[in-house]
Amino acid sequence: MFGENPADLASIDPVSKSLTDNTDPHSNRLPVSYVVSVNRLRVPSRAVGHLEAAQRHFLKMQLAEATGEIERAIRIYPGFAEA
């Protein structure tokens, strides 16, 4: 039965890669990094590609290029809230 074995009470945290205690046997929620919204699945891959390019430009402080990429992403999919 779940929870009786001490090994059932520990898991690896996918973000920190460290061992965590899970003392709640009813906790079966996935970590946030594994959850994808339905709206995100609807976004065309080209729009996602432009957003990722915008993020790369932003990290390099290339703000004009980042803005252009975001505009292209929104033009492809106007409902792209993340952009």
PDB file of N, CA and C in Angstrom:
ATOM      1  N   MET A   1       0.838  -1.179   0.000  1.00  0.00           N
ATOM      2  CA  MET A   1       0.000   0.000   0.000  1.00  0.00           C
ATOM      3  C   MET A   1       0.879   1.236   0.000  1.00  0.00           C
ATOM      4  N   PHE A   2       0.464   2.286  -0.695  1.00  0.00           N
ATOM      5  CA  PHE A   2       1.227   3.516  -0.820  1.00  0.00           C
ATOM      6  C   PHE A   2       1.369   4.192   0.537  1.00  0.00           C
ATOM      7  N   GLY A   3       2.561   4.691   0.819  1.00  0.00           N
ATOM      8  CA  GLY A   3       2.797   5.414   2.051  1.00  0.00           C
ATOM      9  C   GLY A   3       3.355   4.557   3.162  1.00  0.00           C
ATOM     10  N   GLU A   4       3.295   3.241   3.039  1.00  0.00           N
ATOM     11  CA  GLU A   4       3.828   2.375   4.081  1.00  0.00           C
ATOM     12  C   GLU A   4       5.321   2.169   3.921  1.00  0.00           C
ATOM     13  N   ASN A   5       5.806   2.212   2.718  1.00  0.00           N
ATOM     14  CA  ASN A   5       7.220   2.039   2.442  1.00  0.00           C
ATOM     15  C   ASN A   5       7.903   3.402   2.525  1.00  0.00           C
ATOM     16  N   PRO A   6       8.962   3.564   3.318  1.00  0.00           N
ATOM     17  CA  PRO A   6       9.637   4.860   3.415  1.00  0.00           C
ATOM     18  C   PRO A   6      10.092   5.397   2.061  1.00  0.00           C
ATOM     19  N   ALA A   7      10.382   4.518   1.117  1.00  0.00           N
ATOM     20  CA  ALA A   7      10.799   4.981  -0.208  1.00  0.00           C
ATOM     21  C   ALA A   7       9.673   5.716  -0.925  1.00  0.00           C
ATOM     22  N   ASP A   8       8.424   5.427  -0.556  1.00  0.00           N
ATOM     23  CA  ASP A   8       7.294   6.107  -1.168  1.00  0.00           C
ATOM     24  C   ASP A   8       7.168   7.556  -0.705  1.00  0.00           C
ATOM     25  N   LEU A   9       7.864   7.896   0.386  1.00  0.00           N
ATOM     26  CA  LEU A   9       7.726   9.215   0.960  1.00  0.00           C
ATOM     27  C   LEU A   9       8.771  10.202   0.460  1.00  0.00           C
ATOM     28  N   ALA A  10       9.614   9.804  -0.445  1.00  0.00           N
ATOM     29  CA  ALA A  10      10.653  10.683  -0.964  1.00  0.00           C
ATOM     30  C   ALA A  10      10.573  10.711  -2.475  1.00  0.00           C
ATOM     31  N   SER A  11      10.955  11.833  -3.034  1.00  0.00           N
ATOM     32  CA  SER A  11      10.993  11.965  -4.486  1.00  0.00           C
ATOM     33  C   SER A  11      12.066  12.968  -4.852  1.00  0.00           C
ATOM     34  N   ILE A  12      12.387  13.016  -6.119  1.00  0.00           N
ATOM     35  CA  ILE A  12      13.368  13.975  -6.614  1.00  0.00           C
ATOM     36  C   ILE A  12      12.636  15.193  -7.137  1.00  0.00           C
ATOM     37  N   ASP A  13      12.982  16.360  -6.646  1.00  0.00           N
ATOM     38  CA  ASP A  13      12.411  17.619  -7.132  1.00  0.00           C
ATOM     39  C   ASP A  13      13.029  17.907  -8.496  1.00  0.00           C
ATOM     40  N   PRO A  14      12.216  18.002  -9.578  1.00  0.00           N
ATOM     41  CA  PRO A  14      12.773  18.172 -10.916  1.00  0.00           C
ATOM     42  C   PRO A  14      13.468  19.509 -11.117  1.00  0.00           C
ATOM     43  N   VAL A  15      13.139  20.510 -10.329  1.00  0.00           N
ATOM     44  CA  VAL A  15      13.765  21.818 -10.497  1.00  0.00           C
ATOM     45  C   VAL A  15      15.124  21.857  -9.806  1.00  0.00           C
ATOM     46  N   SER A  16      15.159  21.484  -8.528  1.00  0.00           N
ATOM     47  CA  SER A  16      16.403  21.576  -7.780  1.00  0.00           C
ATOM     48  C   SER A  16      17.236  20.304  -7.864  1.00  0.00           C
ATOM     49  N   LYS A  17      16.654  19.229  -8.403  1.00  0.00           N
ATOM     50  CA  LYS A  17      17.314  17.929  -8.515  1.00  0.00           C
ATOM     51  C   LYS A  17      17.733  17.389  -7.150  1.00  0.00           C
ATOM     52  N   SER A  18      17.012  17.786  -6.100  1.00  0.00           N
ATOM     53  CA  SER A  18      17.343  17.313  -4.767  1.00  0.00           C
ATOM     54  C   SER A  18      16.222  16.430  -4.232  1.00  0.00           C
ATOM     55  N   LEU A  19      16.546  15.674  -3.238  1.00  0.00           N
ATOM     56  CA  LEU A  19      15.595  14.756  -2.632  1.00  0.00           C
ATOM     57  C   LEU A  19      14.640  15.547  -1.748  1.00  0.00           C
ATOM     58  N   THR A  20      13.348  15.295  -1.911  1.00  0.00           N
ATOM     59  CA  THR A  20      12.345  15.971  -1.094  1.00  0.00           C
ATOM     60  C   THR A  20      11.473  14.935  -0.418  1.00  0.00           C
ATOM     61  N   ASP A  21      10.897  15.327   0.711  1.00  0.00           N
ATOM     62  CA  ASP A  21       9.953  14.456   1.408  1.00  0.00           C
ATOM     63  C   ASP A  21       8.566  14.699   0.869  1.00  0.00           C
ATOM     64  N   ASN A  22       7.815  13.632   0.673  1.00  0.00           N
ATOM     65  CA  ASN A  22       6.420  13.738   0.262  1.00  0.00           C
ATOM     66  C   ASN A  22       5.603  12.967   1.282  1.00  0.00           C
ATOM     67  N   THR A  23       5.190  13.662   2.315  1.00  0.00           N
ATOM     68  CA  THR A  23       4.459  12.983   3.375  1.00  0.00           C
ATOM     69  C   THR A  23       2.961  12.951   3.115  1.00  0.00           C
ATOM     70  N   ASP A  24       2.491  13.595   2.076  1.00  0.00           N
ATOM     71  CA  ASP A  24       1.063  13.595   1.747  1.00  0.00           C
ATOM     72  C   ASP A  24       0.806  12.514   0.703  1.00  0.00           C
ATOM     73  N   PRO A  25       0.226  11.375   1.109  1.00  0.00           N
ATOM     74  CA  PRO A  25       0.009  10.287   0.144  1.00  0.00           C
ATOM     75  C   PRO A  25      -1.039  10.633  -0.898  1.00  0.00           C
ATOM     76  N   HIS A  26      -1.783  11.700  -0.694  1.00  0.00           N
ATOM     77  CA  HIS A  26      -2.808  12.095  -1.664  1.00  0.00           C
ATOM     78  C   HIS A  26      -2.286  13.115  -2.662  1.00  0.00           C
ATOM     79  N   SER A  27      -1.068  13.515  -2.506  1.00  0.00           N
ATOM     80  CA  SER A  27      -0.486  14.515  -3.396  1.00  0.00           C
ATOM     81  C   SER A  27       0.004  13.829  -4.664  1.00  0.00           C
ATOM     82  N   ASN A  28      -0.759  13.954  -5.727  1.00  0.00           N
ATOM     83  CA  ASN A  28      -0.349  13.348  -6.996  1.00  0.00           C
ATOM     84  C   ASN A  28      -0.283  14.402  -8.081  1.00  0.00           C
ATOM     85  N   ARG A  29      -0.153  15.673  -7.685  1.00  0.00           N
ATOM     86  CA  ARG A  29      -0.056  16.751  -8.658  1.00  0.00           C
ATOM     87  C   ARG A  29       1.311  16.734  -9.312  1.00  0.00           C
ATOM     88  N   LEU A  30       1.330  17.020 -10.584  1.00  0.00           N
ATOM     89  CA  LEU A  30       2.584  17.101 -11.311  1.00  0.00           C
ATOM     90  C   LEU A  30       3.279  18.414 -11.005  1.00  0.00           C
ATOM     91  N   PRO A  31       4.602  18.438 -11.042  1.00  0.00           N
ATOM     92  CA  PRO A  31       5.306  19.709 -10.890  1.00  0.00           C
ATOM     93  C   PRO A  31       4.877  20.668 -12.000  1.00  0.00           C
ATOM     94  N   VAL A  32       4.930  21.944 -11.712  1.00  0.00           N
ATOM     95  CA  VAL A  32       4.478  22.955 -12.659  1.00  0.00           C
ATOM     96  C   VAL A  32       5.205  22.835 -13.992  1.00  0.00           C
ATOM     97  N   SER A  33       6.473  22.438 -13.992  1.00  0.00           N
ATOM     98  CA  SER A  33       7.229  22.354 -15.238  1.00  0.00           C
ATOM     99  C   SER A  33       6.672  21.292 -16.184  1.00  0.00           C
ATOM    100  N   TYR A  34       5.838  20.378 -15.698  1.00  0.00           N
ATOM    101  CA  TYR A  34       5.262  19.342 -16.541  1.00  0.00           C
ATOM    102  C   TYR A  34       3.851  19.686 -17.011  1.00  0.00           C
ATOM    103  N   VAL A  35       3.315  20.804 -16.563  1.00  0.00           N
ATOM    104  CA  VAL A  35       1.956  21.185 -16.900  1.00  0.00           C
ATOM    105  C   VAL A  35       1.979  22.137 -18.089  1.00  0.00           C
ATOM    106  N   VAL A  36       1.163  21.832 -19.104  1.00  0.00           N
ATOM    107  CA  VAL A  36       1.052  22.676 -20.289  1.00  0.00           C
ATOM    108  C   VAL A  36      -0.415  23.012 -20.473  1.00  0.00           C
ATOM    109  N   SER A  37      -0.701  24.296 -20.634  1.00  0.00           N
ATOM    110  CA  SER A  37      -2.096  24.690 -20.801  1.00  0.00           C
ATOM    111  C   SER A  37      -2.580  24.348 -22.203  1.00  0.00           C
ATOM    112  N   VAL A  38      -3.877  24.187 -22.329  1.00  0.00           N
ATOM    113  CA  VAL A  38      -4.483  23.912 -23.632  1.00  0.00           C
ATOM    114  C   VAL A  38      -4.236  25.079 -24.567  1.00  0.00           C
ATOM    115  N   ASN A  39      -4.306  26.297 -24.049  1.00  0.00           N
ATOM    116  CA  ASN A  39      -4.062  27.469 -24.890  1.00  0.00           C
ATOM    117  C   ASN A  39      -2.655  27.462 -25.469  1.00  0.00           C
ATOM    118  N   ARG A  40      -1.681  27.029 -24.694  1.00  0.00           N
ATOM    119  CA  ARG A  40      -0.296  26.975 -25.197  1.00  0.00           C
ATOM    120  C   ARG A  40      -0.167  25.933 -26.308  1.00  0.00           C
ATOM    121  N   LEU A  41      -0.906  24.839 -26.199  1.00  0.00           N
ATOM    122  CA  LEU A  41      -0.845  23.806 -27.227  1.00  0.00           C
ATOM    123  C   LEU A  41      -1.442  24.283 -28.550  1.00  0.00           C
ATOM    124  N   ARG A  42      -2.295  25.276 -28.497  1.00  0.00           N
ATOM    125  CA  ARG A  42      -2.923  25.807 -29.707  1.00  0.00           C
ATOM    126  C   ARG A  42      -2.021  26.767 -30.482  1.00  0.00           C
ATOM    127  N   VAL A  43      -0.965  27.248 -29.862  1.00  0.00           N
ATOM    128  CA  VAL A  43      -0.086  28.234 -30.480  1.00  0.00           C
ATOM    129  C   VAL A  43       0.747  27.562 -31.567  1.00  0.00           C
ATOM    130  N   PRO A  44       0.721  28.117 -32.791  1.00  0.00           N
ATOM    131  CA  PRO A  44       1.535  27.547 -33.870  1.00  0.00           C
ATOM    132  C   PRO A  44       3.026  27.579 -33.520  1.00  0.00           C
ATOM    133  N   SER A  45       3.743  26.579 -33.962  1.00  0.00           N
ATOM    134  CA  SER A  45       5.172  26.481 -33.634  1.00  0.00           C
ATOM    135  C   SER A  45       5.966  27.674 -34.166  1.00  0.00           C
ATOM    136  N   ARG A  46       5.540  28.250 -35.281  1.00  0.00           N
ATOM    137  CA  ARG A  46       6.242  29.436 -35.805  1.00  0.00           C
ATOM    138  C   ARG A  46       6.151  30.598 -34.827  1.00  0.00           C
ATOM    139  N   ALA A  47       4.974  30.771 -34.202  1.00  0.00           N
ATOM    140  CA  ALA A  47       4.810  31.850 -33.224  1.00  0.00           C
ATOM    141  C   ALA A  47       5.685  31.594 -31.995  1.00  0.00           C
ATOM    142  N   VAL A  48       5.745  30.359 -31.548  1.00  0.00           N
ATOM    143  CA  VAL A  48       6.602  30.003 -30.410  1.00  0.00           C
ATOM    144  C   VAL A  48       8.062  30.274 -30.764  1.00  0.00           C
ATOM    145  N   GLY A  49       8.453  29.943 -31.978  1.00  0.00           N
ATOM    146  CA  GLY A  49       9.824  30.191 -32.427  1.00  0.00           C
ATOM    147  C   GLY A  49      10.178  31.666 -32.377  1.00  0.00           C
ATOM    148  N   HIS A  50       9.238  32.521 -32.784  1.00  0.00           N
ATOM    149  CA  HIS A  50       9.495  33.963 -32.719  1.00  0.00           C
ATOM    150  C   HIS A  50       9.602  34.445 -31.275  1.00  0.00           C
ATOM    151  N   LEU A  51       8.786  33.898 -30.383  1.00  0.00           N
ATOM    152  CA  LEU A  51       8.883  34.279 -28.977  1.00  0.00           C
ATOM    153  C   LEU A  51      10.226  33.840 -28.394  1.00  0.00           C
ATOM    154  N   GLU A  52      10.658  32.643 -28.724  1.00  0.00           N
ATOM    155  CA  GLU A  52      11.958  32.169 -28.232  1.00  0.00           C
ATOM    156  C   GLU A  52      13.089  33.032 -28.775  1.00  0.00           C
ATOM    157  N   ALA A  53      12.988  33.441 -30.044  1.00  0.00           N
ATOM    158  CA  ALA A  53      13.992  34.340 -30.617  1.00  0.00           C
ATOM    159  C   ALA A  53      13.969  35.681 -29.889  1.00  0.00           C
ATOM    160  N   ALA A  54      12.772  36.158 -29.552  1.00  0.00           N
ATOM    161  CA  ALA A  54      12.655  37.420 -28.812  1.00  0.00           C
ATOM    162  C   ALA A  54      13.339  37.309 -27.453  1.00  0.00           C
ATOM    163  N   GLN A  55      13.165  36.181 -26.791  1.00  0.00           N
ATOM    164  CA  GLN A  55      13.794  35.992 -25.484  1.00  0.00           C
ATOM    165  C   GLN A  55      15.318  35.984 -25.609  1.00  0.00           C
ATOM    166  N   ARG A  56      15.846  35.368 -26.667  1.00  0.00           N
ATOM    167  CA  ARG A  56      17.301  35.373 -26.886  1.00  0.00           C
ATOM    168  C   ARG A  56      17.802  36.799 -27.130  1.00  0.00           C
ATOM    169  N   HIS A  57      17.067  37.561 -27.957  1.00  0.00           N
ATOM    170  CA  HIS A  57      17.459  38.951 -28.221  1.00  0.00           C
ATOM    171  C   HIS A  57      17.398  39.781 -26.936  1.00  0.00           C
ATOM    172  N   PHE A  58      16.366  39.560 -26.131  1.00  0.00           N
ATOM    173  CA  PHE A  58      16.217  40.307 -24.891  1.00  0.00           C
ATOM    174  C   PHE A  58      17.399  40.052 -23.955  1.00  0.00           C
ATOM    175  N   LEU A  59      17.835  38.802 -23.854  1.00  0.00           N
ATOM    176  CA  LEU A  59      18.975  38.480 -22.986  1.00  0.00           C
ATOM    177  C   LEU A  59      20.245  39.185 -23.428  1.00  0.00           C
ATOM    178  N   LYS A  60      20.339  39.471 -24.727  1.00  0.00           N
ATOM    179  CA  LYS A  60      21.497  40.189 -25.261  1.00  0.00           C
ATOM    180  C   LYS A  60      21.260  41.698 -25.275  1.00  0.00           C
ATOM    181  N   MET A  61      20.127  42.124 -24.691  1.00  0.00           N
ATOM    182  CA  MET A  61      19.727  43.528 -24.646  1.00  0.00           C
ATOM    183  C   MET A  61      19.518  44.120 -26.046  1.00  0.00           C
ATOM    184  N   GLN A  62      19.149  43.297 -26.995  1.00  0.00           N
ATOM    185  CA  GLN A  62      18.802  43.723 -28.348  1.00  0.00           C
ATOM    186  C   GLN A  62      17.287  43.944 -28.373  1.00  0.00           C
ATOM    187  N   LEU A  63      16.867  45.053 -27.790  1.00  0.00           N
ATOM    188  CA  LEU A  63      15.455  45.271 -27.530  1.00  0.00           C
ATOM    189  C   LEU A  63      14.639  45.508 -28.796  1.00  0.00           C
ATOM    190  N   ALA A  64      15.195  46.196 -29.776  1.00  0.00           N
ATOM    191  CA  ALA A  64      14.456  46.429 -31.020  1.00  0.00           C
ATOM    192  C   ALA A  64      14.187  45.104 -31.730  1.00  0.00           C
ATOM    193  N   GLU A  65      15.188  44.243 -31.776  1.00  0.00           N
ATOM    194  CA  GLU A  65      15.012  42.930 -32.403  1.00  0.00           C
ATOM    195  C   GLU A  65      14.012  42.085 -31.631  1.00  0.00           C
ATOM    196  N   ALA A  66      14.083  42.143 -30.304  1.00  0.00           N
ATOM    197  CA  ALA A  66      13.144  41.388 -29.463  1.00  0.00           C
ATOM    198  C   ALA A  66      11.715  41.850 -29.710  1.00  0.00           C
ATOM    199  N   THR A  67      11.531  43.159 -29.806  1.00  0.00           N
ATOM    200  CA  THR A  67      10.192  43.704 -30.062  1.00  0.00           C
ATOM    201  C   THR A  67       9.666  43.236 -31.403  1.00  0.00           C
ATOM    202  N   GLY A  68      10.521  43.229 -32.419  1.00  0.00           N
ATOM    203  CA  GLY A  68      10.109  42.758 -33.747  1.00  0.00           C
ATOM    204  C   GLY A  68       9.677  41.303 -33.728  1.00  0.00           C
ATOM    205  N   GLU A  69      10.412  40.480 -33.005  1.00  0.00           N
ATOM    206  CA  GLU A  69      10.063  39.060 -32.916  1.00  0.00           C
ATOM    207  C   GLU A  69       8.728  38.870 -32.197  1.00  0.00           C
ATOM    208  N   ILE A  70       8.503  39.633 -31.145  1.00  0.00           N
ATOM    209  CA  ILE A  70       7.225  39.536 -30.424  1.00  0.00           C
ATOM    210  C   ILE A  70       6.082  39.959 -31.330  1.00  0.00           C
ATOM    211  N   GLU A  71       6.286  41.031 -32.088  1.00  0.00           N
ATOM    212  CA  GLU A  71       5.245  41.485 -33.013  1.00  0.00           C
ATOM    213  C   GLU A  71       4.930  40.421 -34.063  1.00  0.00           C
ATOM    214  N   ARG A  72       5.963  39.738 -34.564  1.00  0.00           N
ATOM    215  CA  ARG A  72       5.742  38.657 -35.534  1.00  0.00           C
ATOM    216  C   ARG A  72       4.974  37.497 -34.903  1.00  0.00           C
ATOM    217  N   ALA A  73       5.313  37.166 -33.658  1.00  0.00           N
ATOM    218  CA  ALA A  73       4.617  36.080 -32.962  1.00  0.00           C
ATOM    219  C   ALA A  73       3.136  36.415 -32.803  1.00  0.00           C
ATOM    220  N   ILE A  74       2.849  37.653 -32.430  1.00  0.00           N
ATOM    221  CA  ILE A  74       1.450  38.058 -32.232  1.00  0.00           C
ATOM    222  C   ILE A  74       0.717  38.159 -33.565  1.00  0.00           C
ATOM    223  N   ARG A  75       1.413  38.559 -34.612  1.00  0.00           N
ATOM    224  CA  ARG A  75       0.788  38.616 -35.929  1.00  0.00           C
ATOM    225  C   ARG A  75       0.393  37.208 -36.398  1.00  0.00           C
ATOM    226  N   ILE A  76       1.213  36.213 -36.101  1.00  0.00           N
ATOM    227  CA  ILE A  76       0.905  34.836 -36.479  1.00  0.00           C
ATOM    228  C   ILE A  76      -0.263  34.311 -35.663  1.00  0.00           C
ATOM    229  N   TYR A  77      -0.258  34.604 -34.371  1.00  0.00           N
ATOM    230  CA  TYR A  77      -1.310  34.094 -33.485  1.00  0.00           C
ATOM    231  C   TYR A  77      -1.688  35.195 -32.499  1.00  0.00           C
ATOM    232  N   PRO A  78      -2.692  36.000 -32.827  1.00  0.00           N
ATOM    233  CA  PRO A  78      -3.069  37.134 -31.983  1.00  0.00           C
ATOM    234  C   PRO A  78      -3.452  36.762 -30.548  1.00  0.00           C
ATOM    235  N   GLY A  79      -3.870  35.543 -30.318  1.00  0.00           N
ATOM    236  CA  GLY A  79      -4.247  35.110 -28.977  1.00  0.00           C
ATOM    237  C   GLY A  79      -3.083  34.619 -28.138  1.00  0.00           C
ATOM    238  N   PHE A  80      -1.868  34.881 -28.576  1.00  0.00           N
ATOM    239  CA  PHE A  80      -0.669  34.390 -27.894  1.00  0.00           C
ATOM    240  C   PHE A  80      -0.380  35.275 -26.680  1.00  0.00           C
ATOM    241  N   ALA A  81      -1.026  34.965 -25.561  1.00  0.00           N
ATOM    242  CA  ALA A  81      -0.943  35.794 -24.357  1.00  0.00           C
ATOM    243  C   ALA A  81       0.476  35.868 -23.809  1.00  0.00           C
ATOM    244  N   GLU A  82       1.230  34.812 -23.936  1.00  0.00           N
ATOM    245  CA  GLU A  82       2.588  34.803 -23.379  1.00  0.00           C
ATOM    246  C   GLU A  82       3.476  35.831 -24.068  1.00  0.00           C
ATOM    247  N   ALA A  83       3.246  36.070 -25.352  1.00  0.00           N
ATOM    248  CA  ALA A  83       4.027  37.068 -26.099  1.00  0.00           C
ATOM    249  C   ALA A  83       3.625  38.443 -25.638  1.00  0.00           C
TER     250      ALA A  83
END
